[in-house]
């Protein structure tokens, strides 16, 4: 479980840093589609952490179910 959490965290950090880099570069090198791409980056900045939290929450719930099923009563 720890390795899964770490992997999800590293993927999330990489994605968010990439999105922030794209946003920064769009601000410097503007084009006609800059506004749309900037809005997409802002939406992803909110959606990605929410999806990561949901994945970790589901993994925690499934792990607890597996631990309860493995323990004899």
C-alpha atoms as a PDB file:
ATOM      1  CA  UNK A   1       0.000   0.000   0.000  1.00  0.00           C
ATOM      2  CA  UNK A   2       2.853   2.361   0.787  1.00  0.00           C
ATOM      3  CA  UNK A   3       4.379   1.895  -2.648  1.00  0.00           C
ATOM      4  CA  UNK A   4       1.005   2.561  -4.275  1.00  0.00           C
ATOM      5  CA  UNK A   5       0.587   5.776  -2.291  1.00  0.00           C
ATOM      6  CA  UNK A   6       4.096   6.901  -3.166  1.00  0.00           C
ATOM      7  CA  UNK A   7       3.587   6.115  -6.838  1.00  0.00           C
ATOM      8  CA  UNK A   8       0.310   8.056  -6.914  1.00  0.00           C
ATOM      9  CA  UNK A   9       1.980  10.963  -5.129  1.00  0.00           C
ATOM     10  CA  UNK A  10       4.885  11.078  -7.580  1.00  0.00           C
ATOM     11  CA  UNK A  11       2.581  10.864 -10.589  1.00  0.00           C
ATOM     12  CA  UNK A  12       0.458  13.670  -9.167  1.00  0.00           C
ATOM     13  CA  UNK A  13       3.463  15.862  -8.426  1.00  0.00           C
ATOM     14  CA  UNK A  14       4.803  15.305 -11.932  1.00  0.00           C
ATOM     15  CA  UNK A  15       1.454  16.093 -13.542  1.00  0.00           C
ATOM     16  CA  UNK A  16       0.933  19.239 -11.484  1.00  0.00           C
ATOM     17  CA  UNK A  17       4.452  20.508 -12.150  1.00  0.00           C
ATOM     18  CA  UNK A  18       3.928  19.877 -15.859  1.00  0.00           C
ATOM     19  CA  UNK A  19       0.644  21.752 -15.796  1.00  0.00           C
ATOM     20  CA  UNK A  20       2.220  24.697 -13.968  1.00  0.00           C
ATOM     21  CA  UNK A  21       5.095  24.732 -16.450  1.00  0.00           C
ATOM     22  CA  UNK A  22       2.652  24.748 -19.369  1.00  0.00           C
ATOM     23  CA  UNK A  23       0.681  27.567 -17.729  1.00  0.00           C
ATOM     24  CA  UNK A  24       3.874  29.578 -17.246  1.00  0.00           C
ATOM     25  CA  UNK A  25       4.999  29.024 -20.823  1.00  0.00           C
ATOM     26  CA  UNK A  26       1.565  29.937 -22.151  1.00  0.00           C
ATOM     27  CA  UNK A  27       1.812  33.200 -20.270  1.00  0.00           C
ATOM     28  CA  UNK A  28       5.148  33.977 -21.894  1.00  0.00           C
ATOM     29  CA  UNK A  29       4.545  32.691 -25.412  1.00  0.00           C
ATOM     30  CA  UNK A  30       0.911  33.568 -26.047  1.00  0.00           C
ATOM     31  CA  UNK A  31      -1.051  32.397 -29.047  1.00  0.00           C
ATOM     32  CA  UNK A  32      -4.677  32.410 -30.145  1.00  0.00           C
ATOM     33  CA  UNK A  33      -5.495  29.327 -28.078  1.00  0.00           C
ATOM     34  CA  UNK A  34      -3.769  30.557 -24.915  1.00  0.00           C
ATOM     35  CA  UNK A  35      -6.983  31.413 -23.074  1.00  0.00           C
ATOM     36  CA  UNK A  36      -8.516  27.981 -23.676  1.00  0.00           C
ATOM     37  CA  UNK A  37      -5.323  26.159 -22.710  1.00  0.00           C
ATOM     38  CA  UNK A  38      -4.949  28.308 -19.592  1.00  0.00           C
ATOM     39  CA  UNK A  39      -8.491  27.459 -18.500  1.00  0.00           C
ATOM     40  CA  UNK A  40      -7.795  23.753 -19.109  1.00  0.00           C
ATOM     41  CA  UNK A  41      -4.682  23.996 -16.930  1.00  0.00           C
ATOM     42  CA  UNK A  42      -6.666  25.652 -14.162  1.00  0.00           C
ATOM     43  CA  UNK A  43      -9.333  22.956 -14.290  1.00  0.00           C
ATOM     44  CA  UNK A  44      -6.669  20.227 -14.207  1.00  0.00           C
ATOM     45  CA  UNK A  45      -5.071  21.912 -11.200  1.00  0.00           C
ATOM     46  CA  UNK A  46      -8.283  21.201  -9.293  1.00  0.00           C
ATOM     47  CA  UNK A  47      -9.330  17.895 -10.864  1.00  0.00           C
ATOM     48  CA  UNK A  48      -6.015  16.022 -10.585  1.00  0.00           C
ATOM     49  CA  UNK A  49      -5.653  16.383  -6.787  1.00  0.00           C
ATOM     50  CA  UNK A  50      -9.330  15.423  -6.350  1.00  0.00           C
ATOM     51  CA  UNK A  51      -8.844  12.276  -8.443  1.00  0.00           C
ATOM     52  CA  UNK A  52      -5.673  11.403  -6.535  1.00  0.00           C
ATOM     53  CA  UNK A  53      -7.513  11.774  -3.228  1.00  0.00           C
ATOM     54  CA  UNK A  54     -10.356   9.602  -4.499  1.00  0.00           C
ATOM     55  CA  UNK A  55      -7.928   6.895  -5.665  1.00  0.00           C
ATOM     56  CA  UNK A  56      -6.172   6.821  -2.304  1.00  0.00           C
ATOM     57  CA  UNK A  57      -9.482   6.789  -0.443  1.00  0.00           C
ATOM     58  CA  UNK A  58     -10.762   3.838  -2.474  1.00  0.00           C
ATOM     59  CA  UNK A  59      -7.455   2.001  -2.009  1.00  0.00           C
ATOM     60  CA  UNK A  60      -7.668   2.540   1.758  1.00  0.00           C
ATOM     61  CA  UNK A  61     -11.252   1.252   1.868  1.00  0.00           C
ATOM     62  CA  UNK A  62     -10.402  -1.814  -0.209  1.00  0.00           C
ATOM     63  CA  UNK A  63      -7.360  -2.522   1.954  1.00  0.00           C
ATOM     64  CA  UNK A  64      -9.497  -2.376   5.100  1.00  0.00           C
ATOM     65  CA  UNK A  65     -12.006  -4.790   3.542  1.00  0.00           C
ATOM     66  CA  UNK A  66      -9.212  -7.207   2.664  1.00  0.00           C
ATOM     67  CA  UNK A  67      -7.758  -6.991   6.176  1.00  0.00           C
ATOM     68  CA  UNK A  68     -11.168  -7.699   7.761  1.00  0.00           C
ATOM     69  CA  UNK A  69     -11.734 -10.659   5.451  1.00  0.00           C
ATOM     70  CA  UNK A  70      -8.308 -12.120   6.261  1.00  0.00           C
ATOM     71  CA  UNK A  71      -8.731 -11.945  10.060  1.00  0.00           C
ATOM     72  CA  UNK A  72     -10.508 -14.937  11.593  1.00  0.00           C
ATOM     73  CA  UNK A  73     -13.371 -14.115  13.956  1.00  0.00           C
END
